[in-house]
Protein backbone atom coordinates (compact mmCIF):
# COMPACT_ATOMS: atom_id res chain seq x y z
CA MET A 1 66.75 126.94 82.94
CA ALA A 2 68.23 129.90 81.10
CA ALA A 3 68.76 131.49 85.03
CA GLY A 4 70.48 127.99 85.65
CA GLN A 5 72.93 128.11 83.07
CA ARG A 6 73.75 131.53 83.59
CA GLU A 7 74.33 130.93 87.32
CA TYR A 8 76.59 127.83 86.72
CA ARG A 9 78.38 129.78 84.21
CA GLN A 10 79.43 132.57 86.95
CA ARG A 11 80.12 130.44 88.97
CA ILE A 12 82.72 128.68 86.70
CA LYS A 13 83.74 132.01 85.86
CA SER A 14 84.75 132.92 89.72
CA VAL A 15 86.07 129.65 90.42
CA LYS A 16 88.75 129.95 87.62
CA ALA A 17 90.01 133.51 88.84
CA THR A 18 90.26 131.74 92.58
CA LYS A 19 92.35 128.88 90.45
CA LYS A 20 94.62 131.43 88.79
CA ILE A 21 95.24 132.76 92.56
CA THR A 22 95.66 129.63 94.01
CA LYS A 23 97.96 128.36 91.13
CA ALA A 24 100.30 131.35 91.30
CA MET A 25 100.39 131.20 95.26
CA GLU A 26 101.24 127.50 94.78
CA LEU A 27 104.29 128.42 92.09
CA ILE A 28 105.37 131.13 94.06
CA ALA A 29 105.55 128.88 97.29
CA ALA A 30 107.24 126.11 95.37
CA SER A 31 110.73 128.60 94.15
CA ARG A 32 110.61 129.79 97.41
CA VAL A 33 110.99 126.71 99.48
CA ALA A 34 113.96 125.49 97.30
CA LYS A 35 115.75 128.38 98.70
CA ALA A 36 114.48 128.22 102.12
CA ARG A 37 115.49 124.69 101.92
CA GLN A 38 118.87 125.49 100.76
CA LYS A 39 119.38 127.99 103.98
CA VAL A 40 118.16 125.34 106.46
CA ALA A 41 120.94 123.15 104.78
CA GLU A 42 123.48 125.93 105.20
CA THR A 43 122.43 126.99 109.06
CA THR A 44 121.67 123.64 110.76
CA PRO A 45 125.33 121.96 110.37
CA TYR A 46 126.68 125.48 111.58
CA ALA A 47 124.05 125.97 114.61
CA ARG A 48 124.28 121.96 115.48
CA ALA A 49 128.34 122.55 115.61
CA LEU A 50 128.32 125.89 117.34
CA THR A 51 125.79 124.44 120.32
CA GLN A 52 128.04 121.46 120.94
CA ALA A 53 131.00 123.47 121.08
CA VAL A 54 129.71 126.31 123.36
CA SER A 55 128.14 123.32 125.15
CA ALA A 56 131.69 121.67 125.93
CA VAL A 57 133.17 124.57 126.90
CA ALA A 58 130.80 126.01 129.21
CA THR A 59 130.60 122.47 130.50
CA HIS A 60 134.22 121.77 130.93
CA SER A 61 135.62 125.16 131.54
CA GLN A 62 134.62 125.40 134.96
CA GLU A 63 133.25 128.58 134.82
CA ASP A 64 129.97 129.77 136.27
CA HIS A 65 128.64 131.96 133.33
CA PRO A 66 124.94 133.55 133.78
CA LEU A 67 123.95 132.22 130.49
CA THR A 68 124.76 128.57 131.52
CA THR A 69 124.12 128.61 135.70
CA GLU A 70 120.85 126.82 136.49
CA VAL A 71 118.73 128.87 138.67
CA THR A 72 117.68 126.37 141.79
CA ASP A 73 114.23 128.46 142.71
CA ARG A 74 113.22 129.14 139.02
CA ARG A 75 109.71 131.25 139.06
CA ARG A 76 109.27 132.30 135.49
CA ALA A 77 110.05 130.97 131.94
CA GLY A 78 109.83 132.31 128.60
CA VAL A 79 108.14 130.61 125.46
CA VAL A 80 108.90 131.31 122.44
CA VAL A 81 106.36 130.57 119.84
CA ILE A 82 107.56 130.95 116.29
CA THR A 83 104.62 130.68 113.44
CA SER A 84 103.42 132.46 110.08
CA ASP A 85 102.42 135.87 109.73
CA ARG A 86 100.00 135.17 106.82
CA GLY A 87 97.43 132.32 106.56
CA LEU A 88 96.59 130.00 103.43
CA ALA A 89 99.37 127.45 104.25
CA GLY A 90 96.87 124.70 105.74
CA GLY A 91 96.94 123.67 109.54
CA TYR A 92 100.76 124.97 109.70
CA PRO A 93 99.89 128.03 111.94
CA ALA A 94 97.72 126.25 114.77
CA GLY A 95 100.52 123.33 115.34
CA PRO A 96 103.26 125.62 117.08
CA MET A 97 100.34 127.50 119.37
CA LYS A 98 98.58 123.88 120.40
CA PHE A 99 102.39 122.69 121.36
CA ALA A 100 103.04 126.09 123.31
CA ASP A 101 100.06 125.60 125.14
CA ARG A 102 100.78 121.95 125.78
CA LEU A 103 104.78 123.54 126.95
CA GLY A 104 102.93 125.90 129.42
CA GLU A 105 100.69 123.37 130.88
CA HIS A 106 103.78 121.45 131.51
CA LEU A 107 105.63 124.31 132.83
CA GLU A 108 102.97 125.58 135.18
CA GLU A 109 102.85 121.95 136.49
CA GLN A 110 106.44 122.53 137.54
CA GLY A 111 105.42 125.73 139.48
CA LEU A 112 106.90 128.40 136.74
CA GLU A 113 105.09 131.40 135.53
CA VAL A 114 104.97 131.12 131.60
CA VAL A 115 105.84 134.38 129.73
CA PRO A 116 105.21 134.55 125.81
CA TYR A 117 107.53 135.81 123.30
CA LEU A 118 105.64 135.58 120.02
CA VAL A 119 107.27 135.59 116.20
CA GLY A 120 104.59 135.75 113.47
CA ARG A 121 100.92 137.44 113.08
CA LYS A 122 99.13 134.72 113.48
CA ALA A 123 100.58 133.95 117.33
CA GLU A 124 99.88 137.36 118.07
CA ASN A 125 95.98 137.08 117.06
CA TYR A 126 95.81 133.79 118.66
CA PHE A 127 96.79 135.45 122.07
CA ARG A 128 94.84 138.51 121.14
CA PHE A 129 91.70 136.33 120.59
CA ARG A 130 91.87 134.60 123.81
CA ASN A 131 92.40 137.85 125.83
CA ARG A 132 95.91 136.65 126.71
CA ASP A 133 99.03 138.78 127.82
CA TRP A 134 102.38 138.45 126.27
CA ALA A 135 106.17 139.99 126.78
CA ARG A 136 107.24 140.85 123.38
CA ASN A 137 106.43 140.41 119.74
CA TRP A 138 107.78 140.19 116.03
CA ALA A 139 106.40 139.84 112.61
CA GLY A 140 107.00 140.51 109.01
CA PHE A 141 109.52 138.34 108.38
CA SER A 142 107.95 134.61 108.90
CA ASP A 143 109.06 133.38 105.50
CA ALA A 144 112.04 135.18 105.02
CA PRO A 145 113.80 135.66 107.88
CA THR A 146 117.10 137.77 108.07
CA VAL A 147 120.39 137.38 110.44
CA GLU A 148 119.09 140.66 111.94
CA ALA A 149 115.69 139.77 112.56
CA ALA A 150 117.29 136.78 114.37
CA ARG A 151 119.60 139.09 116.71
CA GLU A 152 116.92 141.48 117.53
CA VAL A 153 115.14 138.37 118.82
CA ALA A 154 117.96 136.76 120.61
CA ASP A 155 119.39 140.04 122.09
CA ALA A 156 115.51 140.67 123.91
CA LEU A 157 115.80 137.07 125.18
CA ILE A 158 119.27 137.62 126.68
CA GLU A 159 118.25 141.06 128.19
CA ALA A 160 115.46 139.09 129.76
CA PHE A 161 117.45 136.16 130.85
CA LEU A 162 120.09 138.30 132.37
CA THR A 163 117.44 139.98 134.52
CA PRO A 164 116.34 138.35 137.70
CA SER A 165 113.02 137.27 137.81
CA GLU A 166 112.31 139.31 140.74
CA GLU A 167 112.53 142.25 138.43
CA GLY A 168 110.24 140.60 135.67
CA GLY A 169 113.09 138.58 134.11
CA LEU A 170 113.56 135.33 133.34
CA ASP A 171 114.92 131.68 134.82
CA GLU A 172 114.89 130.01 131.59
CA VAL A 173 113.85 130.36 127.79
CA HIS A 174 112.06 127.68 125.72
CA VAL A 175 111.58 127.88 121.83
CA VAL A 176 108.65 126.43 120.02
CA TYR A 177 108.95 126.02 116.24
CA THR A 178 108.46 123.58 113.29
CA ARG A 179 111.27 121.50 112.46
CA PHE A 180 111.60 120.82 108.84
CA ARG A 181 112.02 117.38 107.46
CA THR A 182 111.31 117.28 103.83
CA MET A 183 108.97 118.23 101.71
CA VAL A 184 106.06 116.32 103.02
CA THR A 185 106.97 116.05 106.67
CA GLN A 186 107.13 118.89 108.98
CA GLU A 187 106.96 118.43 112.83
CA VAL A 188 106.32 121.01 115.91
CA ALA A 189 109.22 120.87 118.18
CA GLY A 190 110.28 122.65 121.62
CA ALA A 191 113.62 123.30 122.46
CA ARG A 192 115.33 124.90 125.77
CA LEU A 193 117.32 127.48 124.39
CA LEU A 194 118.38 128.90 128.04
CA PRO A 195 120.52 128.40 130.16
CA LEU A 196 122.42 126.68 127.99
CA GLU A 197 122.75 122.73 128.85
CA VAL A 198 124.69 119.74 127.54
CA VAL A 199 123.17 118.69 124.03
CA GLU A 200 124.43 116.28 121.23
CA ALA A 201 121.20 116.54 119.25
CA ASP A 202 118.28 118.96 119.58
CA ASP A 203 116.76 118.41 122.81
CA HIS A 204 113.11 118.72 122.44
CA PHE A 205 109.94 118.75 124.92
CA ASP A 206 107.35 116.20 123.47
CA GLY A 207 104.84 116.26 126.12
CA ASP A 208 106.75 113.78 128.25
CA ALA A 209 107.48 115.35 131.63
CA SER A 210 110.28 112.82 132.28
CA ALA A 211 112.30 114.31 128.76
CA ALA A 212 116.23 114.96 129.61
CA PRO A 213 119.10 116.20 127.67
CA VAL A 214 121.28 113.51 126.34
CA GLU A 215 124.33 113.44 128.59
CA GLN A 216 128.09 113.20 126.21
CA GLU A 217 129.80 109.81 126.77
CA GLY A 218 133.52 109.15 126.08
CA LEU A 219 136.56 110.90 127.07
CA VAL A 220 136.11 114.18 128.27
CA PRO A 221 138.05 117.08 126.34
CA GLU A 222 140.80 119.46 127.93
CA TYR A 223 140.35 122.95 127.17
CA ASP A 224 143.22 126.11 127.44
CA PHE A 225 141.30 129.33 127.13
CA GLU A 226 143.06 132.92 125.66
CA PRO A 227 142.78 135.47 127.39
CA SER A 228 139.94 133.59 129.73
CA ALA A 229 137.18 131.41 129.45
CA ASP A 230 134.82 134.06 130.86
CA GLU A 231 135.68 136.21 127.88
CA VAL A 232 135.77 133.39 125.51
CA LEU A 233 132.06 132.51 126.54
CA ASP A 234 131.00 136.47 126.42
CA ALA A 235 132.07 136.41 122.77
CA LEU A 236 130.57 132.85 121.86
CA LEU A 237 127.11 132.73 123.76
CA PRO A 238 125.29 135.30 122.19
CA GLN A 239 126.51 134.22 118.85
CA TYR A 240 125.02 130.92 119.75
CA VAL A 241 121.73 131.84 121.01
CA SER A 242 121.52 134.20 117.66
CA SER A 243 122.61 131.08 115.31
CA ARG A 244 119.87 129.12 116.98
CA ILE A 245 117.15 131.56 116.76
CA PHE A 246 118.34 132.13 113.29
CA ASN A 247 118.04 128.15 112.28
CA MET A 248 114.88 127.79 114.26
CA LEU A 249 113.23 130.75 112.34
CA MET A 250 114.53 129.58 108.86
CA GLN A 251 113.07 125.92 109.54
CA SER A 252 109.92 127.48 110.50
CA ALA A 253 110.19 129.26 107.27
CA ALA A 254 110.90 126.12 105.02
CA SER A 255 108.17 124.42 106.85
CA GLU A 256 105.75 127.07 105.87
CA LEU A 257 106.20 127.56 102.42
CA ALA A 258 106.20 123.58 101.95
CA ALA A 259 103.10 123.52 104.01
CA ARG A 260 101.31 126.50 101.78
CA GLN A 261 102.33 124.61 98.51
CA ARG A 262 100.49 121.80 99.56
CA ALA A 263 97.48 123.65 100.83
CA MET A 264 97.35 125.46 97.69
CA LYS A 265 97.74 122.84 95.28
CA ALA A 266 95.23 120.79 97.10
CA ALA A 267 92.91 124.05 96.58
CA THR A 268 93.94 124.38 92.79
CA ASP A 269 92.94 120.76 92.24
CA ASN A 270 89.55 121.14 94.37
CA ALA A 271 88.91 124.02 92.19
CA ASP A 272 89.61 121.97 88.65
CA ASP A 273 87.01 119.52 90.03
CA LEU A 274 84.64 122.27 90.62
CA ILE A 275 84.85 123.47 87.14
CA LYS A 276 84.28 119.96 85.60
CA ASP A 277 80.96 119.84 88.07
CA TYR A 278 79.73 123.05 87.11
CA THR A 279 80.57 122.44 83.41
CA ARG A 280 78.55 119.28 83.44
CA LEU A 281 75.60 120.96 85.48
CA ALA A 282 75.94 123.72 82.83
CA ASN A 283 75.63 121.07 79.88
CA GLN A 284 72.76 118.99 81.45
CA ALA A 285 70.95 122.47 81.72
CA ARG A 286 71.39 123.68 78.43
CA GLN A 287 70.26 120.29 77.41
CA ALA A 288 67.02 120.54 79.59
CA ASP A 289 66.39 124.00 78.19
CA ILE A 290 66.82 122.52 74.30
CA THR A 291 64.78 119.89 75.24
CA GLN A 292 61.99 121.79 76.52
CA GLU A 293 62.21 124.22 73.65
CA ILE A 294 61.83 121.24 70.80
CA SER A 295 58.64 119.83 73.28
CA GLU A 296 57.25 123.52 73.19
CA ILE A 297 57.31 123.69 69.19
CA VAL A 298 56.18 120.12 68.76
CA GLY A 299 53.12 121.03 71.19
CA GLY A 300 52.51 124.13 69.29
CA SER A 301 52.68 122.53 65.84
CA SER A 302 50.07 119.87 67.03
CA ALA A 303 48.10 122.14 68.34
CA LEU A 304 48.01 124.20 65.11
CA SER A 305 47.26 120.46 63.27
CA ASP A 306 44.18 120.33 65.77
CA SER A 307 43.14 123.40 65.35
CA LYS A 308 42.67 122.98 61.40
């Protein structure tokens, strides 16, 4: 039984060491998620307002711009999947991948070739494990996105969209990300980024093939452009794509940190339960050892008395 006590003590020591790690990661995630939530709150109104403004300008300017023109004979669709670089965040990394698979099937049913663009090492590992190809991948900033990283992703998508599909370009671009609602609620969503369409709120694919953007109602505004509508759109549209990508990255980052905080809290609580269980088993083993020693002493004393 002494060996059993040592084994339980070693397990308790190991679980306590693991608990220190999970507790530290929980506190780190809790401190970082507050900053991420603040950035989401700061960037979301700007991204929404810019989206509505650019949508209205593109719709009512009577200008045909490459980033707003629908392709009649669609062939290739890009799907940007935003997930995490690291694990230990519960089921967060798997959510966007499953949604992207459903979206890919939805697009393939329409006769489109799906071209993946990956953000995060988990997405890259997911595709590599399944021997699937992708066009571009970015990693290293999933839990702390920067404007520069968003601009790099946006520039690559715009370049691919402006390239004809016959030459390896894209006819439309979709983004799969995790929308941050609250610390408890985060939901995976998909939005069509290019070509630009009229949106009053975030349009998203939810698995329904009949899903369509919401049309604007009410009076139609009139616009006057200087120097020209085409030059205004040339300046605004890249900024629009970059701002939406940055907002999606920030929402995904806040969702990742919130999921990691919950996962690490659950791991810490489980470690406490394991420590209590192992401590009780160690005490039982110790009591059994003491009882056995007393029994051996009493038995030996009785044997000596009988021999006399």
